[in-house]
Amino acid sequence: MVEVTMQVNGKSVTKSVSGNTLMSQFLREDLELTGTHVGCDTSQCGACVVHVNGEAVKSCTMFAAEADGAEVSTIEGQANADGSLNVIQAAFQEHHGLQCGFCTPGMVMSAAALLKENPKPTEAEVRAYLSGNICRCTGYHNIVKAIMAASGQDVTQIAAE
């Protein structure tokens, strides 16, 4: 067992974990932050994306002990301070960027990382950035539209797939 301390969604957390505890497991089981989904355990689907020190990370490929001393942000930490949806979450809702919702937390977290890195991405850049995330329902069109809308861009010209 190893003791880890980190900031998770702005709150300090200290827990003892096994050295092989995955970050996704730590968040879901130890901290009961179940918005981080595990879809594949092989880093293929992106449902488990969280931010570690401001960088998007697939939490199923990282040990919790690797985040010792880090700042971690999960989907639960994305809402505005008053609890309302942030601009990305609201855009996903408004533009129907979700269907079953399983991939949505990872998509929102990936979108947040993209928009931090590139505040006005092109449609092609959004699609390329999301290549590490799998959605089995929507065909990505409305997800791309939502991210473009969250960036403040006109989405009327985005062609359906």
N, C-alpha and C. Protein backbone atom coordinates (compact mmCIF):
# COMPACT_ATOMS: atom_id res chain seq x y z
N MET A 1 0.85 -1.19 0.00
CA MET A 1 0.00 0.00 0.00
C MET A 1 0.89 1.25 0.00
N VAL A 2 0.39 2.23 -0.70
CA VAL A 2 1.10 3.50 -0.77
C VAL A 2 0.07 4.61 -0.53
N GLU A 3 0.49 5.63 0.18
CA GLU A 3 -0.41 6.75 0.45
C GLU A 3 -0.26 7.79 -0.65
N VAL A 4 -1.41 8.22 -1.18
CA VAL A 4 -1.40 9.26 -2.21
C VAL A 4 -2.22 10.44 -1.73
N THR A 5 -1.73 11.61 -2.07
CA THR A 5 -2.45 12.85 -1.78
C THR A 5 -2.53 13.63 -3.08
N MET A 6 -3.73 14.10 -3.39
CA MET A 6 -3.93 14.88 -4.60
C MET A 6 -5.12 15.81 -4.41
N GLN A 7 -5.22 16.78 -5.29
CA GLN A 7 -6.38 17.65 -5.33
C GLN A 7 -7.31 17.08 -6.39
N VAL A 8 -8.51 16.71 -6.02
CA VAL A 8 -9.48 16.19 -6.97
C VAL A 8 -10.68 17.14 -6.99
N ASN A 9 -10.87 17.75 -8.12
CA ASN A 9 -11.94 18.74 -8.27
C ASN A 9 -11.87 19.81 -7.19
N GLY A 10 -10.64 20.21 -6.87
CA GLY A 10 -10.42 21.29 -5.91
C GLY A 10 -10.39 20.88 -4.46
N LYS A 11 -10.57 19.59 -4.16
CA LYS A 11 -10.57 19.13 -2.79
C LYS A 11 -9.38 18.21 -2.54
N SER A 12 -8.73 18.42 -1.42
CA SER A 12 -7.58 17.58 -1.08
C SER A 12 -8.06 16.19 -0.65
N VAL A 13 -7.40 15.18 -1.19
CA VAL A 13 -7.74 13.79 -0.90
C VAL A 13 -6.46 13.05 -0.55
N THR A 14 -6.50 12.29 0.53
CA THR A 14 -5.39 11.41 0.90
C THR A 14 -5.96 10.04 1.17
N LYS A 15 -5.41 9.04 0.48
CA LYS A 15 -5.89 7.66 0.62
C LYS A 15 -4.71 6.72 0.48
N SER A 16 -4.84 5.55 1.07
CA SER A 16 -3.89 4.47 0.85
C SER A 16 -4.43 3.59 -0.26
N VAL A 17 -3.55 3.30 -1.23
CA VAL A 17 -3.95 2.48 -2.36
C VAL A 17 -2.88 1.44 -2.65
N SER A 18 -3.29 0.38 -3.28
CA SER A 18 -2.35 -0.61 -3.76
C SER A 18 -1.56 0.02 -4.90
N GLY A 19 -0.33 -0.37 -5.06
CA GLY A 19 0.51 0.20 -6.11
C GLY A 19 -0.02 -0.02 -7.51
N ASN A 20 -0.86 -1.02 -7.71
CA ASN A 20 -1.39 -1.29 -9.04
C ASN A 20 -2.82 -0.79 -9.24
N THR A 21 -3.30 0.07 -8.36
CA THR A 21 -4.64 0.65 -8.49
C THR A 21 -4.65 1.66 -9.63
N LEU A 22 -5.48 1.42 -10.60
CA LEU A 22 -5.60 2.35 -11.71
C LEU A 22 -6.31 3.62 -11.27
N MET A 23 -6.00 4.71 -11.91
CA MET A 23 -6.63 5.99 -11.58
C MET A 23 -8.14 5.91 -11.74
N SER A 24 -8.60 5.25 -12.80
CA SER A 24 -10.05 5.11 -13.02
C SER A 24 -10.69 4.35 -11.85
N GLN A 25 -10.06 3.32 -11.40
CA GLN A 25 -10.56 2.53 -10.27
C GLN A 25 -10.56 3.37 -8.99
N PHE A 26 -9.49 4.12 -8.77
CA PHE A 26 -9.38 4.98 -7.59
C PHE A 26 -10.51 6.01 -7.57
N LEU A 27 -10.74 6.66 -8.70
CA LEU A 27 -11.79 7.67 -8.77
C LEU A 27 -13.16 7.06 -8.54
N ARG A 28 -13.44 5.96 -9.21
CA ARG A 28 -14.76 5.35 -9.14
C ARG A 28 -15.02 4.64 -7.81
N GLU A 29 -14.06 3.85 -7.35
CA GLU A 29 -14.30 3.01 -6.18
C GLU A 29 -13.90 3.67 -4.87
N ASP A 30 -12.75 4.31 -4.84
CA ASP A 30 -12.30 4.92 -3.59
C ASP A 30 -12.94 6.28 -3.33
N LEU A 31 -13.10 7.07 -4.39
CA LEU A 31 -13.67 8.42 -4.21
C LEU A 31 -15.13 8.50 -4.60
N GLU A 32 -15.69 7.42 -5.14
CA GLU A 32 -17.09 7.35 -5.56
C GLU A 32 -17.46 8.43 -6.57
N LEU A 33 -16.51 8.76 -7.44
CA LEU A 33 -16.74 9.69 -8.54
C LEU A 33 -16.98 8.84 -9.78
N THR A 34 -18.21 8.39 -9.94
CA THR A 34 -18.53 7.40 -10.96
C THR A 34 -18.82 7.99 -12.34
N GLY A 35 -18.65 9.28 -12.50
CA GLY A 35 -18.81 9.89 -13.82
C GLY A 35 -17.71 9.50 -14.78
N THR A 36 -16.55 9.14 -14.25
CA THR A 36 -15.47 8.64 -15.08
C THR A 36 -15.80 7.20 -15.44
N HIS A 37 -16.09 6.96 -16.70
CA HIS A 37 -16.52 5.63 -17.13
C HIS A 37 -15.35 4.81 -17.64
N VAL A 38 -15.46 3.50 -17.50
CA VAL A 38 -14.46 2.58 -18.03
C VAL A 38 -15.17 1.73 -19.07
N GLY A 39 -14.76 1.89 -20.31
CA GLY A 39 -15.43 1.18 -21.39
C GLY A 39 -14.61 0.06 -21.99
N CYS A 40 -13.29 0.11 -21.83
CA CYS A 40 -12.49 -0.88 -22.54
C CYS A 40 -11.29 -1.40 -21.75
N ASP A 41 -10.79 -0.65 -20.79
CA ASP A 41 -9.58 -1.02 -20.03
C ASP A 41 -8.34 -1.15 -20.90
N THR A 42 -8.38 -0.66 -22.12
CA THR A 42 -7.23 -0.79 -23.02
C THR A 42 -6.83 0.54 -23.66
N SER A 43 -7.37 1.64 -23.18
CA SER A 43 -7.04 2.97 -23.68
C SER A 43 -7.57 3.24 -25.08
N GLN A 44 -8.59 2.51 -25.50
CA GLN A 44 -9.12 2.68 -26.85
C GLN A 44 -10.31 3.62 -26.91
N CYS A 45 -11.17 3.63 -25.87
CA CYS A 45 -12.47 4.29 -26.03
C CYS A 45 -12.51 5.74 -25.53
N GLY A 46 -11.69 6.12 -24.58
CA GLY A 46 -11.68 7.49 -24.10
C GLY A 46 -12.76 7.85 -23.10
N ALA A 47 -13.59 6.89 -22.70
CA ALA A 47 -14.66 7.18 -21.74
C ALA A 47 -14.11 7.57 -20.37
N CYS A 48 -12.86 7.26 -20.11
CA CYS A 48 -12.27 7.49 -18.79
C CYS A 48 -11.38 8.73 -18.73
N VAL A 49 -11.46 9.61 -19.72
CA VAL A 49 -10.59 10.78 -19.76
C VAL A 49 -10.85 11.70 -18.56
N VAL A 50 -9.77 12.06 -17.89
CA VAL A 50 -9.76 13.06 -16.82
C VAL A 50 -8.60 14.00 -17.11
N HIS A 51 -8.49 15.07 -16.36
CA HIS A 51 -7.36 15.97 -16.50
C HIS A 51 -6.45 15.80 -15.29
N VAL A 52 -5.17 15.63 -15.54
CA VAL A 52 -4.16 15.54 -14.49
C VAL A 52 -3.17 16.67 -14.76
N ASN A 53 -3.11 17.59 -13.82
CA ASN A 53 -2.28 18.79 -13.97
C ASN A 53 -2.58 19.49 -15.30
N GLY A 54 -3.87 19.53 -15.64
CA GLY A 54 -4.31 20.27 -16.82
C GLY A 54 -4.21 19.51 -18.13
N GLU A 55 -3.71 18.31 -18.12
CA GLU A 55 -3.56 17.51 -19.34
C GLU A 55 -4.59 16.40 -19.38
N ALA A 56 -5.18 16.16 -20.55
CA ALA A 56 -6.13 15.06 -20.71
C ALA A 56 -5.37 13.74 -20.63
N VAL A 57 -5.90 12.83 -19.79
CA VAL A 57 -5.26 11.53 -19.56
C VAL A 57 -6.34 10.47 -19.55
N LYS A 58 -6.08 9.35 -20.17
CA LYS A 58 -6.98 8.20 -20.07
C LYS A 58 -6.66 7.51 -18.75
N SER A 59 -7.59 7.63 -17.82
CA SER A 59 -7.33 7.19 -16.44
C SER A 59 -7.22 5.68 -16.28
N CYS A 60 -7.61 4.92 -17.31
CA CYS A 60 -7.46 3.47 -17.23
C CYS A 60 -6.04 3.03 -17.53
N THR A 61 -5.18 3.98 -17.93
CA THR A 61 -3.79 3.64 -18.25
C THR A 61 -2.80 4.27 -17.27
N MET A 62 -3.31 4.82 -16.19
CA MET A 62 -2.47 5.51 -15.23
C MET A 62 -2.72 4.93 -13.84
N PHE A 63 -1.67 4.74 -13.10
CA PHE A 63 -1.81 4.30 -11.71
C PHE A 63 -2.14 5.50 -10.84
N ALA A 64 -2.98 5.29 -9.83
CA ALA A 64 -3.34 6.37 -8.91
C ALA A 64 -2.10 6.96 -8.25
N ALA A 65 -1.14 6.12 -7.94
CA ALA A 65 0.08 6.59 -7.28
C ALA A 65 0.86 7.56 -8.16
N GLU A 66 0.70 7.48 -9.47
CA GLU A 66 1.37 8.41 -10.37
C GLU A 66 0.82 9.82 -10.24
N ALA A 67 -0.37 9.95 -9.69
CA ALA A 67 -1.01 11.26 -9.52
C ALA A 67 -0.75 11.86 -8.15
N ASP A 68 0.12 11.24 -7.37
CA ASP A 68 0.43 11.78 -6.05
C ASP A 68 0.95 13.21 -6.21
N GLY A 69 0.34 14.15 -5.52
CA GLY A 69 0.72 15.55 -5.59
C GLY A 69 0.10 16.32 -6.75
N ALA A 70 -0.69 15.64 -7.56
CA ALA A 70 -1.26 16.26 -8.76
C ALA A 70 -2.60 16.93 -8.50
N GLU A 71 -3.01 17.75 -9.46
CA GLU A 71 -4.36 18.30 -9.50
C GLU A 71 -5.13 17.50 -10.53
N VAL A 72 -6.23 16.90 -10.10
CA VAL A 72 -7.03 16.04 -10.96
C VAL A 72 -8.42 16.67 -11.10
N SER A 73 -8.91 16.67 -12.32
CA SER A 73 -10.26 17.17 -12.58
C SER A 73 -11.04 16.09 -13.30
N THR A 74 -12.24 15.83 -12.82
CA THR A 74 -13.11 14.82 -13.42
C THR A 74 -14.36 15.52 -13.96
N ILE A 75 -15.21 14.76 -14.59
CA ILE A 75 -16.46 15.32 -15.10
C ILE A 75 -17.29 15.96 -13.99
N GLU A 76 -17.21 15.41 -12.79
CA GLU A 76 -17.96 15.98 -11.65
C GLU A 76 -17.49 17.39 -11.31
N GLY A 77 -16.27 17.74 -11.69
CA GLY A 77 -15.73 19.06 -11.39
C GLY A 77 -15.90 20.07 -12.51
N GLN A 78 -16.64 19.72 -13.55
CA GLN A 78 -16.76 20.60 -14.71
C GLN A 78 -17.87 21.63 -14.61
N ALA A 79 -18.85 21.39 -13.79
CA ALA A 79 -19.97 22.34 -13.67
C ALA A 79 -19.47 23.68 -13.14
N ASN A 80 -20.25 24.73 -13.39
CA ASN A 80 -19.95 26.05 -12.83
C ASN A 80 -20.08 26.01 -11.31
N ALA A 81 -19.53 27.01 -10.65
CA ALA A 81 -19.53 27.05 -9.19
C ALA A 81 -20.94 26.97 -8.60
N ASP A 82 -21.93 27.49 -9.33
CA ASP A 82 -23.31 27.45 -8.83
C ASP A 82 -24.02 26.14 -9.15
N GLY A 83 -23.30 25.20 -9.76
CA GLY A 83 -23.87 23.90 -10.10
C GLY A 83 -24.47 23.81 -11.48
N SER A 84 -24.56 24.93 -12.17
CA SER A 84 -25.10 24.91 -13.53
C SER A 84 -24.08 24.31 -14.50
N LEU A 85 -24.56 23.86 -15.64
CA LEU A 85 -23.68 23.27 -16.64
C LEU A 85 -22.69 24.31 -17.16
N ASN A 86 -21.44 23.87 -17.39
CA ASN A 86 -20.49 24.80 -18.00
C ASN A 86 -20.80 24.92 -19.49
N VAL A 87 -20.08 25.74 -20.20
CA VAL A 87 -20.39 26.02 -21.60
C VAL A 87 -20.31 24.77 -22.47
N ILE A 88 -19.38 23.89 -22.19
CA ILE A 88 -19.25 22.66 -22.99
C ILE A 88 -20.41 21.73 -22.70
N GLN A 89 -20.71 21.51 -21.44
CA GLN A 89 -21.83 20.66 -21.07
C GLN A 89 -23.14 21.19 -21.65
N ALA A 90 -23.34 22.49 -21.56
CA ALA A 90 -24.57 23.09 -22.08
C ALA A 90 -24.65 22.92 -23.60
N ALA A 91 -23.51 23.04 -24.28
CA ALA A 91 -23.50 22.85 -25.73
C ALA A 91 -23.82 21.41 -26.10
N PHE A 92 -23.30 20.45 -25.33
CA PHE A 92 -23.64 19.05 -25.57
C PHE A 92 -25.14 18.83 -25.41
N GLN A 93 -25.72 19.47 -24.41
CA GLN A 93 -27.16 19.34 -24.19
C GLN A 93 -27.94 20.02 -25.34
N GLU A 94 -27.58 21.23 -25.66
CA GLU A 94 -28.30 22.00 -26.67
C GLU A 94 -28.21 21.39 -28.06
N HIS A 95 -27.06 20.82 -28.40
CA HIS A 95 -26.85 20.29 -29.75
C HIS A 95 -26.95 18.77 -29.81
N HIS A 96 -27.49 18.18 -28.76
CA HIS A 96 -27.73 16.73 -28.71
C HIS A 96 -26.45 15.94 -28.96
N GLY A 97 -25.38 16.36 -28.28
CA GLY A 97 -24.08 15.70 -28.44
C GLY A 97 -23.95 14.47 -27.57
N LEU A 98 -25.06 13.83 -27.30
CA LEU A 98 -25.04 12.61 -26.52
C LEU A 98 -26.25 11.79 -26.89
N GLN A 99 -26.16 10.53 -26.65
CA GLN A 99 -27.33 9.69 -26.86
C GLN A 99 -27.47 8.80 -25.64
N CYS A 100 -26.72 7.73 -25.56
CA CYS A 100 -26.83 6.89 -24.36
C CYS A 100 -26.12 7.53 -23.18
N GLY A 101 -25.13 8.40 -23.45
CA GLY A 101 -24.42 9.12 -22.40
C GLY A 101 -23.17 8.44 -21.88
N PHE A 102 -22.90 7.22 -22.30
CA PHE A 102 -21.75 6.51 -21.75
C PHE A 102 -20.43 7.20 -22.08
N CYS A 103 -20.26 7.64 -23.31
CA CYS A 103 -19.01 8.27 -23.72
C CYS A 103 -18.94 9.75 -23.33
N THR A 104 -20.06 10.33 -22.95
CA THR A 104 -20.16 11.77 -22.76
C THR A 104 -19.14 12.35 -21.79
N PRO A 105 -18.91 11.75 -20.61
CA PRO A 105 -17.91 12.35 -19.72
C PRO A 105 -16.52 12.45 -20.36
N GLY A 106 -16.11 11.41 -21.04
CA GLY A 106 -14.81 11.44 -21.72
C GLY A 106 -14.78 12.43 -22.86
N MET A 107 -15.89 12.53 -23.58
CA MET A 107 -15.97 13.50 -24.68
C MET A 107 -15.91 14.92 -24.15
N VAL A 108 -16.63 15.20 -23.07
CA VAL A 108 -16.62 16.55 -22.48
C VAL A 108 -15.22 16.89 -21.97
N MET A 109 -14.57 15.95 -21.31
CA MET A 109 -13.23 16.19 -20.79
C MET A 109 -12.23 16.39 -21.93
N SER A 110 -12.37 15.60 -22.99
CA SER A 110 -11.50 15.79 -24.16
C SER A 110 -11.76 17.13 -24.82
N ALA A 111 -13.03 17.50 -24.93
CA ALA A 111 -13.39 18.79 -25.52
C ALA A 111 -12.80 19.93 -24.71
N ALA A 112 -12.86 19.83 -23.39
CA ALA A 112 -12.29 20.87 -22.54
C ALA A 112 -10.79 21.01 -22.76
N ALA A 113 -10.10 19.88 -22.90
CA ALA A 113 -8.65 19.92 -23.16
C ALA A 113 -8.36 20.54 -24.52
N LEU A 114 -9.14 20.15 -25.52
CA LEU A 114 -8.96 20.72 -26.86
C LEU A 114 -9.16 22.22 -26.85
N LEU A 115 -10.26 22.67 -26.25
CA LEU A 115 -10.57 24.11 -26.28
C LEU A 115 -9.60 24.93 -25.44
N LYS A 116 -8.99 24.31 -24.45
CA LYS A 116 -7.94 24.99 -23.69
C LYS A 116 -6.71 25.18 -24.58
N GLU A 117 -6.40 24.15 -25.34
CA GLU A 117 -5.23 24.15 -26.22
C GLU A 117 -5.48 24.97 -27.49
N ASN A 118 -6.70 24.89 -28.01
CA ASN A 118 -7.05 25.53 -29.28
C ASN A 118 -8.48 26.08 -29.15
N PRO A 119 -8.63 27.32 -28.72
CA PRO A 119 -9.96 27.87 -28.44
C PRO A 119 -10.91 27.96 -29.63
N LYS A 120 -10.41 27.96 -30.84
CA LYS A 120 -11.25 28.06 -32.04
C LYS A 120 -10.84 27.00 -33.07
N PRO A 121 -11.02 25.74 -32.73
CA PRO A 121 -10.60 24.69 -33.67
C PRO A 121 -11.52 24.61 -34.88
N THR A 122 -10.96 24.11 -35.96
CA THR A 122 -11.77 23.83 -37.14
C THR A 122 -12.51 22.52 -36.91
N GLU A 123 -13.48 22.25 -37.77
CA GLU A 123 -14.20 20.98 -37.68
C GLU A 123 -13.23 19.81 -37.82
N ALA A 124 -12.30 19.91 -38.74
CA ALA A 124 -11.31 18.84 -38.95
C ALA A 124 -10.44 18.66 -37.71
N GLU A 125 -10.07 19.75 -37.06
CA GLU A 125 -9.25 19.65 -35.84
C GLU A 125 -10.03 18.99 -34.71
N VAL A 126 -11.32 19.30 -34.58
CA VAL A 126 -12.15 18.66 -33.56
C VAL A 126 -12.21 17.16 -33.83
N ARG A 127 -12.49 16.80 -35.07
CA ARG A 127 -12.59 15.38 -35.42
C ARG A 127 -11.28 14.64 -35.16
N ALA A 128 -10.17 15.27 -35.51
CA ALA A 128 -8.86 14.65 -35.28
C ALA A 128 -8.59 14.49 -33.78
N TYR A 129 -8.94 15.51 -33.00
CA TYR A 129 -8.69 15.45 -31.56
C TYR A 129 -9.51 14.35 -30.90
N LEU A 130 -10.71 14.13 -31.41
CA LEU A 130 -11.59 13.11 -30.82
C LEU A 130 -11.28 11.71 -31.32
N SER A 131 -10.25 11.54 -32.11
CA SER A 131 -9.95 10.22 -32.66
C SER A 131 -9.64 9.19 -31.58
N GLY A 132 -9.31 9.63 -30.40
CA GLY A 132 -9.05 8.72 -29.28
C GLY A 132 -10.27 8.43 -28.43
N ASN A 133 -11.44 8.91 -28.87
CA ASN A 133 -12.69 8.68 -28.14
C ASN A 133 -13.67 7.96 -29.06
N ILE A 134 -14.35 6.97 -28.52
CA ILE A 134 -15.32 6.21 -29.29
C ILE A 134 -16.72 6.48 -28.77
N CYS A 135 -17.62 6.79 -29.70
CA CYS A 135 -19.04 6.88 -29.41
C CYS A 135 -19.73 5.83 -30.27
N ARG A 136 -20.51 5.00 -29.65
CA ARG A 136 -21.17 3.93 -30.39
C ARG A 136 -22.59 4.31 -30.82
N CYS A 137 -23.01 5.53 -30.52
CA CYS A 137 -24.41 5.90 -30.79
C CYS A 137 -24.58 7.00 -31.82
N THR A 138 -23.89 8.13 -31.67
CA THR A 138 -24.28 9.34 -32.38
C THR A 138 -23.65 9.56 -33.73
N GLY A 139 -22.60 8.86 -34.06
CA GLY A 139 -21.93 9.14 -35.31
C GLY A 139 -21.10 10.41 -35.27
N TYR A 140 -20.91 11.01 -34.15
CA TYR A 140 -20.02 12.14 -33.89
C TYR A 140 -20.51 13.49 -34.40
N HIS A 141 -21.43 13.52 -35.33
CA HIS A 141 -21.84 14.80 -35.92
C HIS A 141 -22.26 15.81 -34.85
N ASN A 142 -23.16 15.43 -33.96
CA ASN A 142 -23.64 16.37 -32.95
C ASN A 142 -22.60 16.64 -31.87
N ILE A 143 -21.70 15.70 -31.64
CA ILE A 143 -20.60 15.94 -30.69
C ILE A 143 -19.70 17.03 -31.25
N VAL A 144 -19.33 16.90 -32.51
CA VAL A 144 -18.50 17.92 -33.16
C VAL A 144 -19.21 19.26 -33.15
N LYS A 145 -20.48 19.25 -33.48
CA LYS A 145 -21.28 20.48 -33.49
C LYS A 145 -21.29 21.12 -32.10
N ALA A 146 -21.45 20.33 -31.06
CA ALA A 146 -21.47 20.84 -29.69
C ALA A 146 -20.13 21.49 -29.32
N ILE A 147 -19.04 20.84 -29.69
CA ILE A 147 -17.72 21.39 -29.37
C ILE A 147 -17.48 22.69 -30.14
N MET A 148 -17.87 22.71 -31.38
CA MET A 148 -17.73 23.94 -32.17
C MET A 148 -18.58 25.06 -31.56
N ALA A 149 -19.79 24.74 -31.13
CA ALA A 149 -20.66 25.73 -30.49
C ALA A 149 -20.05 26.22 -29.18
N ALA A 150 -19.48 25.31 -28.42
CA ALA A 150 -18.85 25.69 -27.14
C ALA A 150 -17.68 26.64 -27.37
N SER A 151 -17.07 26.55 -28.54
CA SER A 151 -15.96 27.45 -28.87
C SER A 151 -16.46 28.80 -29.38
N GLY A 152 -17.78 28.94 -29.48
CA GLY A 152 -18.35 30.21 -29.91
C GLY A 152 -18.46 30.36 -31.41
N GLN A 153 -18.30 29.27 -32.14
CA GLN A 153 -18.33 29.34 -33.59
C GLN A 153 -19.71 28.98 -34.14
N ASP A 154 -19.98 29.44 -35.34
CA ASP A 154 -21.22 29.15 -36.04
C ASP A 154 -21.23 27.67 -36.43
N VAL A 155 -22.27 26.96 -36.08
CA VAL A 155 -22.34 25.53 -36.37
C VAL A 155 -23.31 25.22 -37.50
N THR A 156 -23.88 26.22 -38.12
CA THR A 156 -24.87 25.96 -39.16
C THR A 156 -24.25 25.39 -40.42
N GLN A 157 -22.96 25.56 -40.60
CA GLN A 157 -22.29 25.08 -41.80
C GLN A 157 -21.69 23.68 -41.65
N ILE A 158 -21.84 23.07 -40.49
CA ILE A 158 -21.28 21.74 -40.29
C ILE A 158 -22.17 20.73 -40.99
N ALA A 159 -21.58 20.03 -41.92
CA ALA A 159 -22.34 19.08 -42.74
C ALA A 159 -22.57 17.79 -41.98
N ALA A 160 -23.74 17.23 -42.15
CA ALA A 160 -24.04 15.93 -41.54
C ALA A 160 -23.20 14.87 -42.20
N GLU A 161 -22.85 13.87 -41.44
CA GLU A 161 -22.06 12.76 -42.00
C GLU A 161 -22.92 11.85 -42.82
